[in-house]
N, C-alpha and C. Protein backbone atom coordinates (compact mmCIF):
# COMPACT_ATOMS: atom_id res chain seq x y z
N UNK A 1 96.58 -17.00 -36.32
CA UNK A 1 95.42 -16.77 -37.11
C UNK A 1 94.28 -17.69 -36.73
N UNK A 2 94.60 -18.67 -36.13
CA UNK A 2 93.56 -19.54 -35.68
C UNK A 2 92.61 -18.81 -34.76
N UNK A 3 93.18 -17.94 -34.00
CA UNK A 3 92.34 -17.21 -33.08
C UNK A 3 91.38 -16.30 -33.82
N UNK A 4 91.86 -15.65 -34.86
CA UNK A 4 91.00 -14.76 -35.61
C UNK A 4 89.87 -15.55 -36.25
N UNK A 5 90.23 -16.72 -36.78
CA UNK A 5 89.23 -17.54 -37.43
C UNK A 5 88.16 -18.01 -36.45
N UNK A 6 88.60 -18.39 -35.27
CA UNK A 6 87.62 -18.83 -34.30
C UNK A 6 86.80 -17.66 -33.81
N UNK A 7 87.40 -16.49 -33.71
CA UNK A 7 86.64 -15.32 -33.30
C UNK A 7 85.61 -14.99 -34.37
N UNK A 8 85.99 -15.10 -35.64
CA UNK A 8 85.05 -14.87 -36.73
C UNK A 8 83.97 -15.93 -36.74
N UNK A 9 84.34 -17.10 -36.41
CA UNK A 9 83.38 -18.20 -36.39
C UNK A 9 82.35 -17.98 -35.28
N UNK A 10 82.80 -17.51 -34.14
CA UNK A 10 81.87 -17.20 -33.05
C UNK A 10 80.91 -16.09 -33.46
N UNK A 11 81.44 -15.16 -34.23
CA UNK A 11 80.61 -14.06 -34.68
C UNK A 11 79.48 -14.58 -35.57
N UNK A 12 79.77 -15.55 -36.39
CA UNK A 12 78.74 -16.11 -37.26
C UNK A 12 77.69 -16.84 -36.44
N UNK A 13 78.09 -17.48 -35.37
CA UNK A 13 77.13 -18.17 -34.52
C UNK A 13 76.16 -17.17 -33.90
N UNK A 14 76.69 -16.03 -33.48
CA UNK A 14 75.82 -15.02 -32.89
C UNK A 14 74.83 -14.51 -33.92
N UNK A 15 75.30 -14.30 -35.15
CA UNK A 15 74.40 -13.85 -36.20
C UNK A 15 73.34 -14.90 -36.46
N UNK A 16 73.75 -16.15 -36.45
CA UNK A 16 72.81 -17.24 -36.67
C UNK A 16 71.79 -17.31 -35.57
N UNK A 17 72.18 -16.97 -34.36
CA UNK A 17 71.26 -17.00 -33.21
C UNK A 17 70.23 -15.88 -33.35
N UNK A 18 70.62 -14.75 -33.93
CA UNK A 18 69.70 -13.64 -34.07
C UNK A 18 68.82 -13.78 -35.31
N UNK A 19 69.26 -14.53 -36.24
CA UNK A 19 68.54 -14.65 -37.51
C UNK A 19 67.12 -15.18 -37.31
N UNK A 20 66.88 -16.25 -36.50
CA UNK A 20 65.49 -16.70 -36.33
C UNK A 20 64.60 -15.63 -35.70
N UNK A 21 65.12 -14.83 -34.77
CA UNK A 21 64.32 -13.77 -34.16
C UNK A 21 63.98 -12.70 -35.19
N UNK A 22 64.91 -12.36 -36.02
CA UNK A 22 64.67 -11.38 -37.07
C UNK A 22 63.64 -11.91 -38.05
N UNK A 23 63.72 -13.22 -38.33
CA UNK A 23 62.74 -13.82 -39.23
C UNK A 23 61.33 -13.75 -38.61
N UNK A 24 61.23 -13.97 -37.30
CA UNK A 24 59.93 -13.89 -36.62
C UNK A 24 59.37 -12.47 -36.70
N UNK A 25 60.25 -11.48 -36.50
CA UNK A 25 59.82 -10.09 -36.58
C UNK A 25 59.33 -9.77 -37.99
N UNK A 26 60.04 -10.30 -39.00
CA UNK A 26 59.61 -10.06 -40.37
C UNK A 26 58.29 -10.75 -40.65
N UNK A 27 58.06 -11.93 -40.05
CA UNK A 27 56.83 -12.65 -40.26
C UNK A 27 55.62 -11.92 -39.65
N UNK A 28 55.79 -11.18 -38.55
CA UNK A 28 54.68 -10.52 -37.91
C UNK A 28 54.35 -9.17 -38.55
N UNK A 29 55.17 -8.67 -39.40
CA UNK A 29 54.90 -7.42 -40.08
C UNK A 29 54.01 -7.67 -41.28
N UNK A 30 53.00 -6.82 -41.41
CA UNK A 30 52.08 -6.92 -42.55
C UNK A 30 52.07 -5.57 -43.23
N UNK A 31 52.11 -5.59 -44.49
CA UNK A 31 52.09 -4.35 -45.25
C UNK A 31 50.70 -4.19 -45.85
N UNK A 32 50.09 -3.00 -45.57
CA UNK A 32 48.77 -2.71 -46.14
C UNK A 32 48.82 -1.31 -46.74
N UNK A 33 47.93 -1.05 -47.66
CA UNK A 33 47.92 0.30 -48.25
C UNK A 33 47.58 1.35 -47.19
N UNK A 34 48.05 2.57 -47.39
CA UNK A 34 47.86 3.67 -46.44
C UNK A 34 46.37 3.94 -46.21
N UNK A 35 45.54 3.85 -47.26
CA UNK A 35 44.11 4.10 -47.13
C UNK A 35 43.48 3.08 -46.18
N UNK A 36 43.89 1.82 -46.32
CA UNK A 36 43.36 0.75 -45.45
C UNK A 36 43.80 0.99 -44.01
N UNK A 37 45.03 1.40 -43.82
CA UNK A 37 45.54 1.68 -42.48
C UNK A 37 44.75 2.84 -41.86
N UNK A 38 44.52 3.90 -42.61
CA UNK A 38 43.76 5.05 -42.11
C UNK A 38 42.32 4.65 -41.78
N UNK A 39 41.72 3.81 -42.64
CA UNK A 39 40.36 3.34 -42.40
C UNK A 39 40.29 2.53 -41.10
N UNK A 40 41.28 1.65 -40.89
CA UNK A 40 41.33 0.84 -39.67
C UNK A 40 41.53 1.72 -38.43
N UNK A 41 42.36 2.74 -38.55
CA UNK A 41 42.55 3.67 -37.42
C UNK A 41 41.24 4.38 -37.10
N UNK A 42 40.51 4.80 -38.13
CA UNK A 42 39.22 5.46 -37.92
C UNK A 42 38.22 4.53 -37.26
N UNK A 43 38.16 3.27 -37.72
CA UNK A 43 37.25 2.30 -37.11
C UNK A 43 37.64 2.02 -35.67
N UNK A 44 38.91 1.95 -35.39
CA UNK A 44 39.38 1.72 -34.03
C UNK A 44 38.95 2.89 -33.12
N UNK A 45 39.06 4.10 -33.63
CA UNK A 45 38.65 5.28 -32.85
C UNK A 45 37.14 5.24 -32.61
N UNK A 46 36.37 4.90 -33.65
CA UNK A 46 34.91 4.81 -33.49
C UNK A 46 34.56 3.71 -32.50
N UNK A 47 35.25 2.59 -32.56
CA UNK A 47 34.99 1.50 -31.61
C UNK A 47 35.26 1.96 -30.18
N UNK A 48 36.31 2.75 -30.01
CA UNK A 48 36.59 3.31 -28.68
C UNK A 48 35.47 4.23 -28.22
N UNK A 49 34.95 5.04 -29.16
CA UNK A 49 33.82 5.92 -28.82
C UNK A 49 32.59 5.10 -28.46
N UNK A 50 32.32 4.05 -29.24
CA UNK A 50 31.17 3.19 -28.96
C UNK A 50 31.31 2.51 -27.60
N UNK A 51 32.50 2.06 -27.29
CA UNK A 51 32.72 1.41 -26.00
C UNK A 51 32.50 2.41 -24.88
N UNK A 52 32.99 3.64 -25.06
CA UNK A 52 32.79 4.68 -24.06
C UNK A 52 31.30 4.97 -23.89
N UNK A 53 30.57 5.09 -25.00
CA UNK A 53 29.12 5.34 -24.92
C UNK A 53 28.43 4.18 -24.22
N UNK A 54 28.83 2.96 -24.56
CA UNK A 54 28.23 1.77 -23.93
C UNK A 54 28.45 1.79 -22.42
N UNK A 55 29.67 2.09 -22.00
CA UNK A 55 29.96 2.13 -20.56
C UNK A 55 29.17 3.24 -19.87
N UNK A 56 29.04 4.39 -20.53
CA UNK A 56 28.25 5.49 -19.95
C UNK A 56 26.78 5.11 -19.85
N UNK A 57 26.24 4.48 -20.91
CA UNK A 57 24.84 4.04 -20.88
C UNK A 57 24.62 3.00 -19.79
N UNK A 58 25.57 2.12 -19.65
CA UNK A 58 25.46 1.10 -18.61
C UNK A 58 25.44 1.75 -17.22
N UNK A 59 26.30 2.74 -17.03
CA UNK A 59 26.33 3.45 -15.75
C UNK A 59 25.04 4.24 -15.54
N UNK A 60 24.55 4.89 -16.61
CA UNK A 60 23.27 5.62 -16.51
C UNK A 60 22.14 4.68 -16.15
N UNK A 61 22.11 3.52 -16.78
CA UNK A 61 21.07 2.53 -16.50
C UNK A 61 21.13 2.08 -15.05
N UNK A 62 22.31 1.81 -14.57
CA UNK A 62 22.48 1.36 -13.18
C UNK A 62 22.04 2.46 -12.22
N UNK A 63 22.40 3.71 -12.53
CA UNK A 63 21.97 4.83 -11.67
C UNK A 63 20.46 4.99 -11.69
N UNK A 64 19.84 4.84 -12.87
CA UNK A 64 18.38 4.95 -12.98
C UNK A 64 17.72 3.82 -12.20
N UNK A 65 18.27 2.61 -12.28
CA UNK A 65 17.71 1.47 -11.54
C UNK A 65 17.76 1.74 -10.04
N UNK A 66 18.90 2.25 -9.57
CA UNK A 66 19.04 2.55 -8.14
C UNK A 66 18.08 3.66 -7.72
N UNK A 67 17.93 4.69 -8.59
CA UNK A 67 17.03 5.80 -8.28
C UNK A 67 15.58 5.30 -8.20
N UNK A 68 15.17 4.46 -9.15
CA UNK A 68 13.81 3.91 -9.14
C UNK A 68 13.59 3.03 -7.91
N UNK A 69 14.58 2.27 -7.55
CA UNK A 69 14.46 1.41 -6.37
C UNK A 69 14.27 2.25 -5.11
N UNK A 70 15.02 3.35 -5.01
CA UNK A 70 14.87 4.24 -3.85
C UNK A 70 13.50 4.91 -3.86
N UNK A 71 13.04 5.34 -5.05
CA UNK A 71 11.72 5.96 -5.14
C UNK A 71 10.64 4.97 -4.74
N UNK A 72 10.79 3.72 -5.14
CA UNK A 72 9.81 2.69 -4.77
C UNK A 72 9.81 2.49 -3.25
N UNK A 73 10.99 2.44 -2.66
CA UNK A 73 11.08 2.27 -1.21
C UNK A 73 10.43 3.46 -0.50
N UNK A 74 10.72 4.67 -0.98
CA UNK A 74 10.11 5.87 -0.38
C UNK A 74 8.60 5.85 -0.55
N UNK A 75 8.14 5.47 -1.74
CA UNK A 75 6.70 5.41 -2.00
C UNK A 75 6.05 4.41 -1.06
N UNK A 76 6.65 3.23 -0.94
CA UNK A 76 6.09 2.20 -0.07
C UNK A 76 6.06 2.68 1.38
N UNK A 77 7.08 3.42 1.76
CA UNK A 77 7.18 3.89 3.13
C UNK A 77 6.10 4.92 3.46
N UNK A 78 5.81 5.80 2.51
CA UNK A 78 4.90 6.91 2.79
C UNK A 78 3.53 6.80 2.11
N UNK A 79 3.32 5.77 1.31
CA UNK A 79 2.08 5.65 0.53
C UNK A 79 0.85 5.57 1.42
N UNK A 80 0.92 4.85 2.50
CA UNK A 80 -0.24 4.63 3.35
C UNK A 80 -0.34 5.62 4.50
N UNK A 81 0.54 6.59 4.53
CA UNK A 81 0.55 7.54 5.64
C UNK A 81 -0.78 8.27 5.79
N UNK A 82 -1.37 8.73 4.68
CA UNK A 82 -2.65 9.45 4.75
C UNK A 82 -3.77 8.57 5.26
N UNK A 83 -3.82 7.34 4.78
CA UNK A 83 -4.87 6.42 5.22
C UNK A 83 -4.72 6.12 6.70
N UNK A 84 -3.49 5.93 7.13
CA UNK A 84 -3.26 5.62 8.54
C UNK A 84 -3.69 6.79 9.43
N UNK A 85 -3.40 8.01 9.00
CA UNK A 85 -3.82 9.19 9.78
C UNK A 85 -5.35 9.25 9.88
N UNK A 86 -6.03 8.96 8.77
CA UNK A 86 -7.50 8.95 8.81
C UNK A 86 -8.01 7.84 9.72
N UNK A 87 -7.36 6.67 9.68
CA UNK A 87 -7.77 5.56 10.55
C UNK A 87 -7.54 5.90 12.02
N UNK A 88 -6.51 6.67 12.30
CA UNK A 88 -6.27 7.07 13.70
C UNK A 88 -7.42 7.92 14.23
N UNK A 89 -7.99 8.78 13.39
CA UNK A 89 -9.16 9.57 13.81
C UNK A 89 -10.33 8.66 14.14
N UNK A 90 -10.54 7.65 13.32
CA UNK A 90 -11.64 6.71 13.56
C UNK A 90 -11.36 5.89 14.82
N UNK A 91 -10.10 5.52 15.01
CA UNK A 91 -9.71 4.79 16.22
C UNK A 91 -10.00 5.63 17.46
N UNK A 92 -9.70 6.91 17.39
CA UNK A 92 -10.00 7.82 18.52
C UNK A 92 -11.50 7.84 18.81
N UNK A 93 -12.31 7.91 17.74
CA UNK A 93 -13.77 7.90 17.93
C UNK A 93 -14.23 6.60 18.60
N UNK A 94 -13.67 5.48 18.17
CA UNK A 94 -14.04 4.18 18.77
C UNK A 94 -13.63 4.12 20.23
N UNK A 95 -12.46 4.63 20.56
CA UNK A 95 -12.01 4.64 21.96
C UNK A 95 -12.93 5.49 22.82
N UNK A 96 -13.37 6.64 22.30
CA UNK A 96 -14.30 7.50 23.05
C UNK A 96 -15.62 6.78 23.26
N UNK A 97 -16.10 6.08 22.23
CA UNK A 97 -17.36 5.35 22.35
C UNK A 97 -17.22 4.23 23.38
N UNK A 98 -16.10 3.53 23.37
CA UNK A 98 -15.88 2.45 24.34
C UNK A 98 -15.79 3.02 25.76
N UNK A 99 -15.12 4.15 25.94
CA UNK A 99 -15.03 4.79 27.26
C UNK A 99 -16.40 5.21 27.77
N UNK A 100 -17.21 5.76 26.87
CA UNK A 100 -18.54 6.18 27.24
C UNK A 100 -19.38 4.99 27.68
N UNK A 101 -19.24 3.87 26.98
CA UNK A 101 -19.99 2.66 27.33
C UNK A 101 -19.50 2.10 28.66
N UNK A 102 -18.18 2.15 28.91
CA UNK A 102 -17.63 1.65 30.18
C UNK A 102 -18.12 2.48 31.36
N UNK A 103 -18.20 3.76 31.17
CA UNK A 103 -18.66 4.66 32.25
C UNK A 103 -20.17 4.69 32.36
N UNK A 104 -20.83 3.99 31.48
CA UNK A 104 -22.29 3.93 31.46
C UNK A 104 -22.89 5.32 31.41
N UNK A 105 -22.18 6.22 30.70
CA UNK A 105 -22.65 7.59 30.57
C UNK A 105 -23.64 7.75 29.44
N UNK A 106 -23.88 6.71 28.67
CA UNK A 106 -24.81 6.83 27.55
C UNK A 106 -25.72 5.62 27.53
N UNK A 107 -26.92 5.83 27.06
CA UNK A 107 -27.82 4.68 26.95
C UNK A 107 -27.50 3.92 25.67
N UNK A 108 -28.12 2.80 25.49
CA UNK A 108 -27.81 1.92 24.36
C UNK A 108 -28.09 2.61 23.03
N UNK A 109 -29.17 3.37 22.92
CA UNK A 109 -29.50 4.05 21.67
C UNK A 109 -28.42 5.07 21.28
N UNK A 110 -27.96 5.84 22.27
CA UNK A 110 -26.92 6.84 22.00
C UNK A 110 -25.61 6.16 21.59
N UNK A 111 -25.27 5.09 22.30
CA UNK A 111 -24.06 4.33 21.99
C UNK A 111 -24.15 3.76 20.58
N UNK A 112 -25.27 3.15 20.22
CA UNK A 112 -25.46 2.56 18.90
C UNK A 112 -25.38 3.63 17.82
N UNK A 113 -25.96 4.79 18.06
CA UNK A 113 -25.90 5.87 17.09
C UNK A 113 -24.45 6.34 16.90
N UNK A 114 -23.68 6.41 17.95
CA UNK A 114 -22.26 6.78 17.86
C UNK A 114 -21.46 5.77 17.04
N UNK A 115 -21.71 4.48 17.29
CA UNK A 115 -21.00 3.43 16.53
C UNK A 115 -21.39 3.51 15.05
N UNK A 116 -22.66 3.75 14.77
CA UNK A 116 -23.10 3.87 13.38
C UNK A 116 -22.44 5.07 12.70
N UNK A 117 -22.26 6.16 13.42
CA UNK A 117 -21.58 7.34 12.85
C UNK A 117 -20.11 7.01 12.56
N UNK A 118 -19.50 6.27 13.46
CA UNK A 118 -18.10 5.87 13.24
C UNK A 118 -18.00 4.96 12.02
N UNK A 119 -18.91 4.00 11.90
CA UNK A 119 -18.93 3.12 10.73
C UNK A 119 -19.12 3.92 9.44
N UNK A 120 -20.04 4.87 9.47
CA UNK A 120 -20.28 5.70 8.29
C UNK A 120 -19.02 6.47 7.91
N UNK A 121 -18.33 6.99 8.93
CA UNK A 121 -17.07 7.72 8.70
C UNK A 121 -16.03 6.78 8.07
N UNK A 122 -15.93 5.57 8.58
CA UNK A 122 -14.98 4.59 8.05
C UNK A 122 -15.33 4.21 6.62
N UNK A 123 -16.60 3.93 6.35
CA UNK A 123 -17.01 3.58 4.99
C UNK A 123 -16.74 4.72 4.01
N UNK A 124 -16.97 5.95 4.44
CA UNK A 124 -16.73 7.10 3.58
C UNK A 124 -15.24 7.24 3.27
N UNK A 125 -14.40 7.06 4.29
CA UNK A 125 -12.96 7.13 4.08
C UNK A 125 -12.50 6.06 3.09
N UNK A 126 -12.98 4.83 3.25
CA UNK A 126 -12.60 3.74 2.36
C UNK A 126 -13.09 4.01 0.93
N UNK A 127 -14.28 4.57 0.81
CA UNK A 127 -14.85 4.91 -0.50
C UNK A 127 -13.97 5.96 -1.19
N UNK A 128 -13.51 6.95 -0.43
CA UNK A 128 -12.63 7.98 -0.99
C UNK A 128 -11.33 7.39 -1.53
N UNK A 129 -10.92 6.27 -0.98
CA UNK A 129 -9.68 5.63 -1.41
C UNK A 129 -9.94 4.50 -2.42
N UNK A 130 -11.15 4.47 -2.98
CA UNK A 130 -11.43 3.55 -4.07
C UNK A 130 -12.03 2.22 -3.67
N UNK A 131 -12.30 2.01 -2.41
CA UNK A 131 -12.86 0.74 -1.96
C UNK A 131 -14.37 0.82 -2.00
N UNK A 132 -15.01 -0.20 -2.58
CA UNK A 132 -16.48 -0.21 -2.56
C UNK A 132 -16.95 -1.64 -2.32
N UNK A 133 -18.06 -1.78 -1.62
CA UNK A 133 -18.54 -3.13 -1.29
C UNK A 133 -19.12 -3.83 -2.52
N UNK A 134 -19.01 -5.14 -2.50
CA UNK A 134 -19.62 -5.97 -3.54
C UNK A 134 -21.05 -6.24 -3.08
N UNK A 135 -22.00 -5.83 -3.89
CA UNK A 135 -23.42 -6.05 -3.56
C UNK A 135 -23.83 -7.41 -4.11
N UNK A 136 -24.22 -8.33 -3.23
CA UNK A 136 -24.56 -9.69 -3.68
C UNK A 136 -25.96 -10.14 -3.25
N UNK A 137 -26.49 -9.59 -2.16
CA UNK A 137 -27.78 -10.06 -1.64
C UNK A 137 -28.88 -9.74 -2.64
N UNK A 138 -29.75 -10.72 -2.87
CA UNK A 138 -30.87 -10.63 -3.80
C UNK A 138 -30.42 -10.51 -5.26
N UNK A 139 -29.21 -10.93 -5.53
CA UNK A 139 -28.69 -10.93 -6.90
C UNK A 139 -28.28 -12.35 -7.27
N UNK A 140 -28.20 -12.66 -8.57
CA UNK A 140 -27.76 -14.01 -8.97
C UNK A 140 -26.35 -14.28 -8.46
N UNK A 141 -26.11 -15.52 -8.07
CA UNK A 141 -24.79 -15.93 -7.56
C UNK A 141 -23.75 -15.79 -8.66
N UNK A 142 -22.62 -15.16 -8.34
CA UNK A 142 -21.50 -14.99 -9.27
C UNK A 142 -20.25 -15.56 -8.61
N UNK A 143 -19.73 -16.68 -9.13
CA UNK A 143 -18.55 -17.29 -8.49
C UNK A 143 -17.30 -16.41 -8.56
N UNK A 144 -17.30 -15.40 -9.41
CA UNK A 144 -16.15 -14.50 -9.50
C UNK A 144 -16.10 -13.53 -8.32
N UNK A 145 -17.26 -13.29 -7.68
CA UNK A 145 -17.29 -12.32 -6.57
C UNK A 145 -17.71 -12.95 -5.25
N UNK A 146 -18.22 -14.17 -5.30
CA UNK A 146 -18.74 -14.79 -4.08
C UNK A 146 -18.29 -16.23 -3.97
N UNK A 147 -18.43 -16.74 -2.76
CA UNK A 147 -18.15 -18.15 -2.49
C UNK A 147 -19.39 -18.73 -1.82
N UNK A 148 -19.92 -19.78 -2.42
CA UNK A 148 -21.13 -20.39 -1.85
C UNK A 148 -20.73 -21.26 -0.67
N UNK A 149 -21.37 -21.03 0.46
CA UNK A 149 -21.08 -21.82 1.65
C UNK A 149 -22.20 -22.82 1.95
N UNK A 150 -23.41 -22.48 1.53
CA UNK A 150 -24.52 -23.41 1.72
C UNK A 150 -25.64 -23.06 0.74
N UNK A 151 -26.53 -24.01 0.61
CA UNK A 151 -27.66 -23.83 -0.28
C UNK A 151 -28.92 -24.11 0.54
N UNK A 152 -29.92 -23.24 0.43
CA UNK A 152 -31.15 -23.40 1.21
C UNK A 152 -32.36 -23.26 0.29
N UNK A 153 -33.46 -23.81 0.75
CA UNK A 153 -34.73 -23.67 0.03
C UNK A 153 -35.31 -22.31 0.39
N UNK A 154 -35.74 -21.54 -0.62
CA UNK A 154 -36.35 -20.24 -0.37
C UNK A 154 -37.26 -19.89 -1.54
N UNK A 155 -38.16 -18.96 -1.29
CA UNK A 155 -39.08 -18.52 -2.33
C UNK A 155 -38.45 -17.39 -3.16
N UNK A 156 -37.28 -17.66 -3.75
CA UNK A 156 -36.58 -16.70 -4.62
C UNK A 156 -36.14 -17.47 -5.86
N UNK A 157 -35.82 -16.77 -6.93
CA UNK A 157 -35.33 -17.48 -8.11
C UNK A 157 -34.08 -18.31 -7.77
N UNK A 158 -33.90 -19.39 -8.52
CA UNK A 158 -32.78 -20.31 -8.29
C UNK A 158 -31.45 -19.56 -8.44
N UNK A 159 -30.47 -19.93 -7.62
CA UNK A 159 -29.10 -19.36 -7.61
C UNK A 159 -29.09 -17.89 -7.21
N UNK A 160 -30.02 -17.46 -6.39
CA UNK A 160 -30.05 -16.09 -5.87
C UNK A 160 -29.42 -16.09 -4.49
N UNK A 161 -28.55 -15.11 -4.24
CA UNK A 161 -27.91 -14.98 -2.93
C UNK A 161 -28.94 -14.37 -1.98
N UNK A 162 -29.17 -15.06 -0.85
CA UNK A 162 -30.16 -14.56 0.11
C UNK A 162 -29.53 -14.02 1.39
N UNK A 163 -28.25 -14.37 1.61
CA UNK A 163 -27.60 -13.89 2.84
C UNK A 163 -26.10 -13.73 2.58
N UNK A 164 -25.56 -12.70 3.18
CA UNK A 164 -24.13 -12.43 3.06
C UNK A 164 -23.50 -12.67 4.43
N UNK A 165 -22.60 -13.65 4.51
CA UNK A 165 -21.96 -13.96 5.78
C UNK A 165 -20.73 -13.07 6.05
N UNK A 166 -20.05 -12.71 4.98
CA UNK A 166 -18.92 -11.81 5.14
C UNK A 166 -18.89 -10.88 3.92
N UNK A 167 -18.80 -9.60 4.17
CA UNK A 167 -18.84 -8.60 3.11
C UNK A 167 -17.56 -8.67 2.27
N UNK A 168 -17.73 -8.48 0.97
CA UNK A 168 -16.59 -8.42 0.06
C UNK A 168 -16.46 -7.03 -0.52
N UNK A 169 -15.26 -6.70 -1.00
CA UNK A 169 -15.00 -5.35 -1.51
C UNK A 169 -14.22 -5.39 -2.81
N UNK A 170 -14.47 -4.38 -3.64
CA UNK A 170 -13.66 -4.14 -4.84
C UNK A 170 -12.59 -3.15 -4.49
């Protein structure tokens, strides 16, 4: 019978070994009313929906950012194409005028008239694209549009611009 007793005793040790684990399992269980459980399940589902919406919005935002970046690159690449084509026409006119002068096929008056026509064409093209010269000669000096390089005595009102050394544009 000693054997039976020791076998029973071993059985109690095994039960004792499992008892703390069972106690831990009981400690982690929480009992809440069914309504509270259902409410928490609903909130968990809504949180999942919100997270999904957030991730979709984040992906949409990233796609929009990439699309705008590509549009900006394309715009930058092609924005000046029209102006460059117009400048090429003016460049062709200047090359023809230079060739004519090299061949001495035109007198100075004809050459000067050709250059003036090319300048007029260039000014008109720039005007069409929104560029206009700053008019300063015979007007009061404005430090926002001009830079004074020298001051001279003249029979004009004080602080009047009498000469333009380099043209400015708006």
